[in-house]
Protein backbone atom coordinates (compact mmCIF):
# COMPACT_ATOMS: atom_id res chain seq x y z
CA MET A 1 113.50 59.52 88.53
CA LYS A 2 114.00 59.11 92.08
CA LYS A 3 118.10 59.49 90.85
CA ILE A 4 116.64 63.18 89.07
CA ILE A 5 114.88 64.32 92.60
CA ALA A 6 117.95 63.36 94.89
CA VAL A 7 119.93 65.47 93.43
CA LEU A 8 117.26 67.99 93.31
CA CYS A 9 117.78 67.67 96.99
CA ALA A 10 121.09 68.11 97.12
CA ILE A 11 121.37 71.00 95.37
CA LEU A 12 118.29 72.76 97.88
CA ILE A 13 120.13 71.54 101.25
CA MET A 14 122.95 72.67 99.73
CA LEU A 15 121.98 76.54 98.75
CA SER A 16 119.81 76.71 101.82
CA PHE A 17 123.40 76.07 104.07
CA SER A 18 125.42 78.30 101.19
CA GLY A 19 126.19 81.75 103.01
CA CYS A 20 125.00 83.90 100.49
CA ALA A 21 121.80 80.95 100.08
CA LYS A 22 118.92 83.70 101.62
CA LYS A 23 119.83 87.49 101.32
CA TYR A 24 118.04 90.52 102.60
CA GLU A 25 116.43 92.73 100.58
CA ALA A 26 118.44 96.55 100.48
CA ALA A 27 117.72 98.03 103.85
CA PRO A 28 116.76 101.80 103.59
CA GLN A 29 118.65 104.67 104.07
CA ILE A 30 115.80 106.56 105.59
CA THR A 31 113.87 104.42 108.21
CA GLU A 32 110.54 106.55 108.90
CA GLY A 33 108.48 109.97 108.73
CA GLU A 34 105.38 111.55 108.55
CA PHE A 35 102.66 112.23 106.15
CA PRO A 36 100.00 114.90 105.69
CA PHE A 37 97.24 114.95 104.10
CA VAL A 38 93.77 116.06 103.80
CA PHE A 39 90.68 114.45 102.86
CA GLU A 40 87.36 116.21 102.40
CA TYR A 41 83.88 114.12 100.92
CA GLU A 42 80.33 115.13 100.57
CA LEU A 43 77.87 112.21 101.09
CA ASN A 44 73.73 112.76 102.03
CA GLY A 45 74.22 116.77 101.23
CA GLN A 46 76.97 116.58 104.27
CA ARG A 47 80.67 117.61 104.58
CA PHE A 48 83.25 115.76 105.74
CA LEU A 49 87.28 116.42 106.28
CA ILE A 50 89.72 114.68 107.31
CA GLU A 51 93.18 116.49 107.75
CA ASP A 52 95.83 113.99 109.79
CA THR A 53 99.37 112.93 109.32
CA VAL A 54 100.30 109.09 107.41
CA VAL A 55 102.94 108.07 110.36
CA CYS A 56 105.66 105.77 108.69
CA ARG A 57 108.97 103.45 109.25
CA PHE A 58 110.97 100.53 108.64
CA GLU A 59 110.24 97.50 110.93
CA GLY A 60 112.61 94.77 109.99
CA TYR A 61 111.58 91.11 107.48
CA ASP A 62 109.84 89.62 107.05
CA LEU A 63 111.56 86.23 108.05
CA SER A 64 108.86 83.70 107.05
CA ASN A 65 109.51 83.33 103.93
CA PRO A 66 111.11 79.70 104.16
CA PHE A 67 112.89 79.19 100.32
CA PRO A 68 116.57 80.10 100.91
CA PHE A 69 116.49 81.40 97.37
CA ILE A 70 113.70 84.08 98.09
CA PRO A 71 115.08 87.22 99.60
CA TYR A 72 113.42 88.03 102.60
CA SER A 73 111.78 91.11 102.45
CA ARG A 74 110.97 94.36 104.30
CA THR A 75 108.22 95.37 106.37
CA TRP A 76 106.78 98.67 106.88
CA PHE A 77 104.35 100.15 109.20
CA ALA A 78 101.79 103.03 108.67
CA SER A 79 99.15 104.38 111.43
CA LEU A 80 97.61 107.89 111.00
CA LYS A 81 99.42 110.03 113.72
CA SER A 82 96.44 111.29 115.64
CA GLY A 83 95.23 107.28 116.38
CA GLU A 84 91.53 107.93 115.09
CA GLU A 85 91.78 105.00 112.85
CA GLU A 86 88.04 105.02 112.39
CA LYS A 87 88.13 108.24 110.49
CA ARG A 88 89.05 105.80 107.64
CA MET A 89 85.47 104.84 107.40
CA ILE A 90 82.88 106.56 104.94
CA ILE A 91 80.76 103.70 104.79
CA GLU A 92 79.82 100.59 107.00
CA PHE A 93 76.83 99.00 105.90
CA ASP A 94 75.03 96.55 107.73
CA GLU A 95 75.21 92.93 107.35
CA ASN A 96 73.78 91.13 104.65
CA THR A 97 73.64 93.98 102.18
CA GLU A 98 73.71 93.24 98.14
CA SER A 99 76.88 93.58 96.82
CA ALA A 100 77.15 97.08 95.26
CA LEU A 101 79.09 95.57 92.38
CA ILE A 102 77.85 92.36 91.60
CA SER A 103 74.39 91.80 91.13
CA GLY A 104 73.13 89.17 93.85
CA ARG A 105 75.62 89.09 95.82
CA VAL A 106 74.82 89.14 99.37
CA ASN A 107 77.76 90.15 102.10
CA ILE A 108 78.55 89.61 105.08
CA GLU A 109 80.51 92.09 105.26
CA SER A 110 80.66 95.61 103.15
CA ARG A 111 82.11 99.73 103.64
CA VAL A 112 83.80 102.38 101.92
CA HIS A 113 87.30 103.21 103.43
CA LEU A 114 89.98 105.59 102.91
CA PHE A 115 93.50 103.47 102.90
CA TYR A 116 96.17 106.47 103.07
CA GLY A 117 98.88 103.80 101.88
CA SER A 118 101.54 101.33 103.22
CA GLY A 119 104.71 103.10 105.07
CA GLY A 120 106.99 101.75 102.01
CA TYR A 121 104.51 103.61 99.28
CA TYR A 122 105.84 106.99 101.73
CA LEU A 123 109.40 106.03 102.48
CA GLY A 124 109.54 104.81 98.30
CA ASP A 125 109.76 101.32 98.53
CA PRO A 126 110.30 100.79 94.89
CA GLU A 127 107.89 96.98 95.98
CA ASP A 128 105.29 99.64 97.22
CA ALA A 129 104.41 102.40 94.52
CA ASP A 130 100.97 100.85 94.01
CA ARG A 131 100.73 101.36 97.47
CA GLY A 132 99.65 104.76 97.41
CA PRO A 133 96.02 106.65 99.21
CA LYS A 134 92.58 105.46 97.37
CA ILE A 135 89.64 104.76 98.39
CA ARG A 136 88.02 100.69 98.54
CA TYR A 137 84.62 98.73 97.87
CA THR A 138 85.83 95.97 100.79
CA GLU A 139 83.54 93.63 100.95
CA LYS A 140 82.63 90.16 102.68
CA TYR A 141 81.42 86.91 101.34
CA GLN A 142 79.93 83.35 101.37
CA THR A 143 82.19 81.04 99.35
CA GLY A 144 80.83 77.61 100.94
CA PRO A 145 79.34 76.40 104.32
CA LYS A 146 82.49 77.30 106.54
CA GLU A 147 84.35 79.45 104.34
CA SER A 148 84.44 83.53 102.46
CA THR A 149 86.62 85.42 101.18
CA VAL A 150 87.66 89.11 101.06
CA THR A 151 87.53 91.04 98.09
CA GLY A 152 88.27 94.89 97.51
CA THR A 153 87.98 96.92 94.69
CA ASP A 154 89.39 100.66 94.45
CA LEU A 155 86.55 103.23 93.67
CA ASN A 156 87.48 106.16 91.05
CA TYR A 157 85.81 110.14 91.71
CA GLU A 158 83.08 108.80 89.31
CA GLN A 159 82.38 105.02 90.95
CA LEU A 160 82.20 106.47 94.29
CA GLU A 161 79.22 109.24 92.96
CA GLU A 162 77.77 106.73 90.60
CA LEU A 163 77.33 103.82 93.31
CA PHE A 164 77.47 105.24 97.05
CA GLY A 165 76.37 109.35 96.38
CA ILE A 166 80.19 109.94 98.00
CA LYS A 167 82.07 113.50 95.83
CA VAL A 168 85.41 114.07 96.48
CA ILE A 169 85.77 117.92 97.40
CA ARG A 170 89.69 117.29 97.78
CA PHE A 171 92.12 114.00 98.02
CA GLU A 172 95.25 115.88 99.09
CA PHE A 173 97.79 113.68 99.80
CA SER A 174 102.08 114.03 100.98
CA SER A 175 103.86 112.44 97.67
CA PRO A 176 106.45 109.81 98.17
CA ILE A 177 109.91 110.63 98.94
CA GLU A 178 112.80 109.05 97.39
CA ASN A 179 115.12 107.10 99.55
CA THR A 180 118.02 104.90 98.72
CA PHE A 181 118.70 100.76 99.75
CA GLU A 182 121.84 99.28 100.65
């Protein structure tokens, strides 16, 4: 058993020191862009309109992965051009409010918010293809004396209206670009 472990350790050490052991995911040809959107909804008989632009750019690579055989992944930045990130909040519930999804669970924090999409989604990264715009319900709840858990659930239009009384009028977001990764 000790010989097997010694051989595996030797292989890992050789891989980590070889020039081809640690690679970067391919870099994007297009590294930045702006993507306008319109989101309009009704809540408690009042209409709300959010018009803005998602500003995206390639940030480089996540160098925190210690494994020599797993490539460094691309990292992306996204923000609203207006700088008004609070626009994303649709409903923020009081502390210690019962979960809208799990009966009997009390949340430390909970909110319904607009996720406008990741930078990688808009700039055509196939690794981020599922990180486009959506409405999310996020809950933070106690799981132990000093521990808590945060969960997020994507909501469809029917759930928004049924659970929270939110009626979506317009949900128009720019499509992601086609990008080349070299």
